[in-house]
Protein backbone atom coordinates (compact mmCIF):
# COMPACT_ATOMS: atom_id res chain seq x y z
CA MET A 1 45.65 -59.40 -37.93
CA SER A 2 42.29 -59.63 -36.20
CA ASN A 3 41.63 -61.52 -32.96
CA ARG A 4 39.46 -63.96 -34.87
CA HIS A 5 42.39 -65.09 -37.04
CA LYS A 6 44.73 -65.38 -34.05
CA ARG A 7 42.28 -67.65 -32.22
CA SER A 8 41.69 -69.95 -35.18
CA GLY A 9 45.47 -70.26 -35.65
CA SER A 10 45.95 -71.31 -32.05
CA VAL A 11 43.05 -73.79 -32.19
CA SER A 12 44.50 -75.39 -35.29
CA GLY A 13 47.90 -75.51 -33.56
CA VAL A 14 46.32 -77.33 -30.60
CA LYS A 15 44.63 -79.81 -32.97
CA ARG A 16 47.91 -80.42 -34.77
CA SER A 17 49.74 -80.91 -31.49
CA SER A 18 47.04 -83.29 -30.24
CA PHE A 19 47.20 -85.28 -33.48
CA ARG A 20 50.99 -85.58 -33.23
CA LEU A 21 50.73 -86.75 -29.62
CA THR A 22 48.13 -89.37 -30.56
CA LEU A 23 50.22 -90.55 -33.50
CA LEU A 24 53.36 -90.73 -31.37
CA SER A 25 51.50 -92.68 -28.66
CA GLY A 26 50.34 -95.19 -31.27
CA VAL A 27 53.83 -95.67 -32.64
CA VAL A 28 55.24 -96.16 -29.13
CA ALA A 29 52.49 -98.67 -28.27
CA LEU A 30 53.26 -100.70 -31.41
CA GLY A 31 56.96 -100.61 -30.61
CA VAL A 32 56.32 -101.91 -27.10
CA LEU A 33 54.02 -104.64 -28.39
CA PHE A 34 56.56 -105.89 -30.93
CA SER A 35 59.56 -105.69 -28.59
CA VAL A 36 58.05 -106.97 -25.35
CA ALA A 37 55.77 -109.73 -26.63
CA PRO A 38 57.28 -111.26 -29.76
CA SER A 39 56.16 -114.77 -28.75
CA VAL A 40 52.54 -113.62 -28.81
CA LEU A 41 52.95 -112.63 -32.45
CA ALA A 42 55.43 -115.25 -33.56
CA ASP A 43 54.44 -118.31 -35.54
CA VAL A 44 55.83 -121.79 -35.11
CA SER A 45 58.69 -122.26 -37.56
CA GLU A 46 61.08 -125.00 -38.61
CA GLY A 47 63.55 -125.66 -35.81
CA ASP A 48 61.11 -124.62 -33.05
CA THR A 49 59.87 -126.97 -30.37
CA MET A 50 56.25 -127.91 -30.88
CA PRO A 51 54.12 -125.94 -28.39
CA ALA A 52 52.18 -128.01 -25.89
CA PHE A 53 48.42 -128.04 -26.34
CA ARG A 54 45.30 -129.84 -25.20
CA LEU A 55 42.34 -130.09 -27.59
CA PRO A 56 39.17 -132.15 -27.93
CA THR A 57 38.53 -134.61 -30.70
CA LEU A 58 35.27 -134.15 -32.58
CA ASP A 59 33.73 -136.93 -30.49
CA GLY A 60 34.64 -135.18 -27.21
CA ARG A 61 37.78 -137.04 -26.06
CA MET A 62 40.83 -134.92 -25.19
CA LEU A 63 44.31 -135.11 -26.63
CA ASP A 64 47.21 -133.73 -24.65
CA SER A 65 50.15 -133.15 -26.98
CA THR A 66 52.56 -134.46 -24.35
CA ALA A 67 51.21 -137.93 -25.25
CA LEU A 68 52.89 -137.48 -28.65
CA GLN A 69 56.42 -137.30 -27.23
CA GLY A 70 58.84 -139.68 -28.92
CA ARG A 71 56.64 -139.98 -32.04
CA VAL A 72 56.86 -138.45 -35.51
CA VAL A 73 53.76 -136.24 -35.87
CA TYR A 74 52.09 -134.77 -38.96
CA ILE A 75 49.66 -131.99 -37.97
CA ASP A 76 47.47 -130.68 -40.77
CA PHE A 77 45.64 -127.39 -40.05
CA TRP A 78 42.43 -127.33 -42.11
CA ALA A 79 38.99 -125.77 -42.42
CA SER A 80 35.72 -127.05 -43.88
CA TRP A 81 35.71 -124.43 -46.65
CA CYS A 82 39.21 -125.39 -47.88
CA THR A 83 39.05 -126.93 -51.37
CA THR A 84 42.68 -128.10 -51.25
CA CYS A 85 41.89 -129.89 -47.97
CA ARG A 86 39.08 -131.77 -49.72
CA LYS A 87 41.64 -133.02 -52.26
CA SER A 88 44.48 -133.72 -49.80
CA PHE A 89 42.51 -135.59 -47.14
CA PRO A 90 42.12 -138.85 -49.13
CA VAL A 91 45.88 -138.81 -49.81
CA LEU A 92 46.68 -138.09 -46.15
CA ASN A 93 44.40 -140.96 -45.18
CA GLU A 94 46.37 -143.30 -47.48
CA LEU A 95 49.64 -142.12 -45.90
CA HIS A 96 48.10 -142.58 -42.45
CA GLU A 97 47.36 -146.21 -43.36
CA GLU A 98 50.87 -146.71 -44.74
CA PHE A 99 52.64 -145.18 -41.70
CA ARG A 100 50.04 -146.25 -39.10
CA ASN A 101 52.57 -147.52 -36.53
CA GLN A 102 55.27 -144.91 -37.23
CA VAL A 103 53.63 -141.49 -37.69
CA VAL A 104 50.73 -139.87 -35.84
CA PHE A 105 48.52 -137.99 -38.31
CA ILE A 106 46.36 -135.23 -36.86
CA GLY A 107 43.84 -133.10 -38.69
CA LEU A 108 43.47 -129.93 -36.64
CA ASN A 109 40.18 -128.31 -37.62
CA THR A 110 39.93 -124.55 -37.23
CA ASP A 111 36.19 -124.01 -37.80
CA GLU A 112 34.40 -122.17 -35.00
CA ASP A 113 31.43 -124.51 -35.54
CA PRO A 114 32.46 -128.19 -35.24
CA ALA A 115 29.32 -129.19 -37.19
CA LEU A 116 31.00 -127.75 -40.30
CA ALA A 117 33.95 -130.11 -39.80
CA GLU A 118 31.60 -133.04 -39.27
CA ARG A 119 29.79 -132.31 -42.57
CA PHE A 120 33.16 -132.05 -44.36
CA LEU A 121 34.20 -135.42 -42.93
CA GLN A 122 30.95 -137.08 -44.00
CA ALA A 123 31.83 -136.17 -47.60
CA THR A 124 35.58 -136.81 -47.15
CA PRO A 125 35.98 -139.46 -44.42
CA VAL A 126 39.36 -140.19 -42.84
CA ASP A 127 40.66 -142.60 -40.22
CA PHE A 128 43.27 -140.33 -38.65
CA LEU A 129 42.69 -138.24 -35.53
CA ILE A 130 40.67 -135.04 -35.94
CA LEU A 131 40.97 -132.30 -33.30
CA SER A 132 38.75 -129.24 -32.93
CA ASP A 133 40.26 -125.82 -32.23
CA LYS A 134 36.99 -123.90 -32.35
CA ASP A 135 38.34 -121.27 -29.91
CA GLN A 136 41.43 -120.71 -32.12
CA ARG A 137 43.88 -121.10 -29.20
CA VAL A 138 46.29 -123.44 -30.98
CA VAL A 139 45.82 -121.65 -34.32
CA SER A 140 46.84 -118.38 -32.68
CA GLU A 141 50.00 -120.01 -31.36
CA PHE A 142 51.06 -121.80 -34.56
CA ARG A 143 49.76 -119.07 -36.91
CA PRO A 144 49.52 -121.12 -40.12
CA GLN A 145 49.75 -118.96 -43.23
CA GLY A 146 46.73 -120.55 -44.95
CA TYR A 147 44.91 -123.86 -45.21
CA PRO A 148 46.01 -126.49 -45.34
CA THR A 149 49.32 -126.02 -43.56
CA ALA A 150 51.23 -129.06 -42.31
CA TYR A 151 53.70 -129.14 -39.43
CA VAL A 152 55.93 -132.21 -39.34
CA ILE A 153 57.44 -132.83 -35.93
CA ASP A 154 60.27 -135.29 -35.27
CA ARG A 155 60.64 -137.66 -32.30
CA THR A 156 62.41 -134.99 -30.23
CA GLY A 157 59.44 -132.59 -30.55
CA THR A 158 61.21 -130.31 -33.03
CA VAL A 159 59.30 -128.89 -35.98
CA GLN A 160 61.23 -130.17 -38.99
CA LYS A 161 58.98 -128.89 -41.76
CA VAL A 162 56.21 -126.34 -42.25
CA GLU A 163 54.39 -126.82 -45.55
CA ALA A 164 51.75 -124.33 -46.69
CA GLY A 165 49.42 -126.07 -49.12
CA PHE A 166 49.87 -129.77 -49.80
CA ALA A 167 53.19 -131.11 -51.10
CA GLY A 168 51.66 -134.25 -52.64
CA LYS A 169 51.79 -137.92 -51.79
CA GLU A 170 55.28 -138.85 -52.98
CA GLU A 171 57.06 -135.83 -51.53
CA THR A 172 55.24 -136.22 -48.19
CA ARG A 173 55.98 -139.98 -48.10
CA ALA A 174 59.69 -139.39 -48.80
CA TYR A 175 59.94 -136.70 -46.15
CA LEU A 176 58.23 -138.82 -43.50
CA GLN A 177 60.48 -141.79 -44.31
CA SER A 178 63.52 -139.55 -43.82
CA LEU A 179 62.43 -138.91 -40.21
CA LEU A 180 61.96 -142.56 -39.28
């Protein structure tokens, strides 16, 4: 075998070894990420305590979630481009009126540009509280699996229900009544 063939074999062996090392490093890094920081990746599920948060309303006031303690809370994650949200908001507004003194309804907007939420609300006005999470801090903690996604929290601060999509007026009403 010539020297030329020996050298190319050893270069290819070095490349293969380097590739394996890089691949192994990546696998180890993923393993560390998933084992050391599961809360960073975890979503909020039924049975979890609602994470504390502080977010502005669209008109600039602040809501600290600790002010919700002792109340039943319905948090609806939504975005201006969500067609289901456009259909569910009038129904949620009716439920808000019906449960005004018993349930706190919150629409948590996830648009990076609050002006998009304001345009949506001009076409689909509501009377319940609208929060802006333009920096995606609360979204990254709850990790809703689509829009809309509702989180229903009981008086103890425990998430009792996570509903992707919209369950409908009667099912939502019945569930809220069961928590009162």
